[in-house]
Amino acid sequence: MKNKLMLIALLASTVSISACTHKKVSVTEFDDKDKTCEQLKRDIVQMEDLEQDIEGKTGMSGRNVGMALLFWPGIIVNEMNASDARDRAADRKEKLFALYDGKGCQ
């Protein structure tokens, strides 16, 4: 019985930590310079959507509240991952805006 409880606790903590990951963003992509204005605009919108998604999963979010109940260190991991993902999304968006402006897109 004790082993079963330990297994359940281990599984719960594993699920909690794996739920902490945010989408990995590459600041540059190999074909960025070849993208059309429309493609750049689409990528900018995707980064804005990603930033909103990250904000929705941090702070007093359902994700963090759930982790507080199951595995509180997961909150710290979630916030650190969110911070990194937020920074990379902002850097990517800045790069895309520079390309967008450089091509004279409107």
C-alpha atoms as a PDB file:
ATOM      1  CA  MET A   1       0.000   0.000   0.000  1.00  0.00           C
ATOM      2  CA  LYS A   2       2.839   2.375   0.876  1.00  0.00           C
ATOM      3  CA  ASN A   3       4.489   1.687  -2.492  1.00  0.00           C
ATOM      4  CA  LYS A   4       1.213   2.486  -4.260  1.00  0.00           C
ATOM      5  CA  LEU A   5       0.975   5.853  -2.535  1.00  0.00           C
ATOM      6  CA  MET A   6       4.577   6.649  -3.423  1.00  0.00           C
ATOM      7  CA  LEU A   7       3.917   5.710  -7.039  1.00  0.00           C
ATOM      8  CA  ILE A   8       0.853   7.952  -7.162  1.00  0.00           C
ATOM      9  CA  ALA A   9       2.821  10.829  -5.636  1.00  0.00           C
ATOM     10  CA  LEU A  10       5.614  10.321  -8.147  1.00  0.00           C
ATOM     11  CA  LEU A  11       3.190  10.268 -11.061  1.00  0.00           C
ATOM     12  CA  ALA A  12       1.418  13.395  -9.804  1.00  0.00           C
ATOM     13  CA  SER A  13       4.697  15.280  -9.475  1.00  0.00           C
ATOM     14  CA  THR A  14       5.821  14.151 -12.927  1.00  0.00           C
ATOM     15  CA  VAL A  15       2.567  15.312 -14.475  1.00  0.00           C
ATOM     16  CA  SER A  16       2.825  18.627 -12.623  1.00  0.00           C
ATOM     17  CA  ILE A  17       6.338  19.302 -13.828  1.00  0.00           C
ATOM     18  CA  SER A  18       5.589  18.277 -17.405  1.00  0.00           C
ATOM     19  CA  ALA A  19       2.590  20.621 -17.404  1.00  0.00           C
ATOM     20  CA  CYS A  20       4.974  23.494 -16.679  1.00  0.00           C
ATOM     21  CA  THR A  21       6.527  23.615 -20.078  1.00  0.00           C
ATOM     22  CA  HIS A  22       5.657  26.420 -22.414  1.00  0.00           C
ATOM     23  CA  LYS A  23       6.096  26.369 -26.153  1.00  0.00           C
ATOM     24  CA  LYS A  24       9.733  26.648 -27.134  1.00  0.00           C
ATOM     25  CA  VAL A  25      10.363  29.614 -29.416  1.00  0.00           C
ATOM     26  CA  SER A  26      13.298  30.095 -31.715  1.00  0.00           C
ATOM     27  CA  VAL A  27      14.236  33.769 -32.029  1.00  0.00           C
ATOM     28  CA  THR A  28      15.315  33.303 -35.636  1.00  0.00           C
ATOM     29  CA  GLU A  29      14.329  30.829 -38.308  1.00  0.00           C
ATOM     30  CA  PHE A  30      16.476  29.981 -41.299  1.00  0.00           C
ATOM     31  CA  ASP A  31      13.900  31.289 -43.821  1.00  0.00           C
ATOM     32  CA  ASP A  32      12.936  34.517 -42.034  1.00  0.00           C
ATOM     33  CA  LYS A  33      14.507  36.762 -44.678  1.00  0.00           C
ATOM     34  CA  ASP A  34      12.626  34.956 -47.450  1.00  0.00           C
ATOM     35  CA  LYS A  35       9.200  35.362 -45.862  1.00  0.00           C
ATOM     36  CA  THR A  36       6.575  37.539 -47.455  1.00  0.00           C
ATOM     37  CA  CYS A  37       4.937  40.435 -45.647  1.00  0.00           C
ATOM     38  CA  GLU A  38       1.856  38.286 -45.061  1.00  0.00           C
ATOM     39  CA  GLN A  39       3.928  35.459 -43.584  1.00  0.00           C
ATOM     40  CA  LEU A  40       5.766  37.887 -41.301  1.00  0.00           C
ATOM     41  CA  LYS A  41       2.463  39.393 -40.188  1.00  0.00           C
ATOM     42  CA  ARG A  42       1.107  35.899 -39.435  1.00  0.00           C
ATOM     43  CA  ASP A  43       4.208  35.072 -37.370  1.00  0.00           C
ATOM     44  CA  ILE A  44       3.879  38.347 -35.426  1.00  0.00           C
ATOM     45  CA  VAL A  45       0.268  37.511 -34.582  1.00  0.00           C
ATOM     46  CA  GLN A  46       1.355  34.016 -33.474  1.00  0.00           C
ATOM     47  CA  MET A  47       3.914  35.547 -31.104  1.00  0.00           C
ATOM     48  CA  GLU A  48       1.269  37.882 -29.671  1.00  0.00           C
ATOM     49  CA  ASP A  49      -1.059  34.903 -29.157  1.00  0.00           C
ATOM     50  CA  LEU A  50       1.771  32.985 -27.501  1.00  0.00           C
ATOM     51  CA  GLU A  51       2.470  35.881 -25.135  1.00  0.00           C
ATOM     52  CA  GLN A  52      -1.211  35.932 -24.113  1.00  0.00           C
ATOM     53  CA  ASP A  53      -1.164  32.159 -23.624  1.00  0.00           C
ATOM     54  CA  ILE A  54       1.896  32.437 -21.369  1.00  0.00           C
ATOM     55  CA  GLU A  55       0.254  35.182 -19.305  1.00  0.00           C
ATOM     56  CA  GLY A  56      -2.816  32.986 -18.876  1.00  0.00           C
ATOM     57  CA  LYS A  57      -0.714  30.194 -17.381  1.00  0.00           C
ATOM     58  CA  THR A  58       1.207  32.265 -14.832  1.00  0.00           C
ATOM     59  CA  GLY A  59       0.433  34.186 -11.659  1.00  0.00           C
ATOM     60  CA  MET A  60      -2.820  33.107 -10.015  1.00  0.00           C
ATOM     61  CA  SER A  61      -3.716  30.791 -12.884  1.00  0.00           C
ATOM     62  CA  GLY A  62      -5.536  27.498 -12.581  1.00  0.00           C
ATOM     63  CA  ARG A  63      -2.273  25.801 -13.499  1.00  0.00           C
ATOM     64  CA  ASN A  64      -0.405  27.290 -10.561  1.00  0.00           C
ATOM     65  CA  VAL A  65      -3.271  26.685  -8.139  1.00  0.00           C
ATOM     66  CA  GLY A  66      -3.377  23.031  -9.207  1.00  0.00           C
ATOM     67  CA  MET A  67       0.353  22.735  -8.753  1.00  0.00           C
ATOM     68  CA  ALA A  68       0.106  24.309  -5.306  1.00  0.00           C
ATOM     69  CA  LEU A  69      -2.210  21.481  -4.323  1.00  0.00           C
ATOM     70  CA  LEU A  70      -0.206  18.669  -5.924  1.00  0.00           C
ATOM     71  CA  PHE A  71       3.440  19.706  -6.074  1.00  0.00           C
ATOM     72  CA  TRP A  72       4.261  23.268  -4.985  1.00  0.00           C
ATOM     73  CA  PRO A  73       7.812  23.398  -6.470  1.00  0.00           C
ATOM     74  CA  GLY A  74       6.102  23.116  -9.859  1.00  0.00           C
ATOM     75  CA  ILE A  75       4.957  26.712  -9.453  1.00  0.00           C
ATOM     76  CA  ILE A  76       8.561  27.910  -9.374  1.00  0.00           C
ATOM     77  CA  VAL A  77       9.453  25.843 -12.435  1.00  0.00           C
ATOM     78  CA  ASN A  78       6.344  27.105 -14.258  1.00  0.00           C
ATOM     79  CA  GLU A  79       7.169  30.747 -13.537  1.00  0.00           C
ATOM     80  CA  MET A  80      10.812  30.327 -14.593  1.00  0.00           C
ATOM     81  CA  ASN A  81       9.798  28.588 -17.821  1.00  0.00           C
ATOM     82  CA  ALA A  82       7.192  31.267 -18.481  1.00  0.00           C
ATOM     83  CA  SER A  83       9.728  34.029 -17.995  1.00  0.00           C
ATOM     84  CA  ASP A  84      12.121  32.413 -20.464  1.00  0.00           C
ATOM     85  CA  ALA A  85       9.342  31.756 -22.995  1.00  0.00           C
ATOM     86  CA  ARG A  86       8.048  35.321 -22.628  1.00  0.00           C
ATOM     87  CA  ASP A  87      11.528  36.774 -23.262  1.00  0.00           C
ATOM     88  CA  ARG A  88      12.103  34.596 -26.323  1.00  0.00           C
ATOM     89  CA  ALA A  89       8.667  35.442 -27.756  1.00  0.00           C
ATOM     90  CA  ALA A  90       9.367  39.159 -27.274  1.00  0.00           C
ATOM     91  CA  ASP A  91      12.777  38.809 -28.954  1.00  0.00           C
ATOM     92  CA  ARG A  92      11.224  36.887 -31.836  1.00  0.00           C
ATOM     93  CA  LYS A  93       8.488  39.483 -32.265  1.00  0.00           C
ATOM     94  CA  GLU A  94      11.065  42.288 -32.266  1.00  0.00           C
ATOM     95  CA  LYS A  95      13.061  40.483 -34.966  1.00  0.00           C
ATOM     96  CA  LEU A  96       9.918  39.929 -37.045  1.00  0.00           C
ATOM     97  CA  PHE A  97       8.925  43.600 -36.758  1.00  0.00           C
ATOM     98  CA  ALA A  98      12.417  44.619 -37.911  1.00  0.00           C
ATOM     99  CA  LEU A  99      12.114  42.346 -40.964  1.00  0.00           C
ATOM    100  CA  TYR A 100       8.559  43.570 -41.595  1.00  0.00           C
ATOM    101  CA  ASP A 101       9.672  47.208 -41.513  1.00  0.00           C
ATOM    102  CA  GLY A 102      12.817  46.474 -43.517  1.00  0.00           C
ATOM    103  CA  LYS A 103      10.735  45.047 -46.354  1.00  0.00           C
ATOM    104  CA  GLY A 104       8.470  48.086 -46.347  1.00  0.00           C
ATOM    105  CA  CYS A 105       5.403  46.077 -45.389  1.00  0.00           C
ATOM    106  CA  GLN A 106       2.292  47.961 -44.361  1.00  0.00           C
END
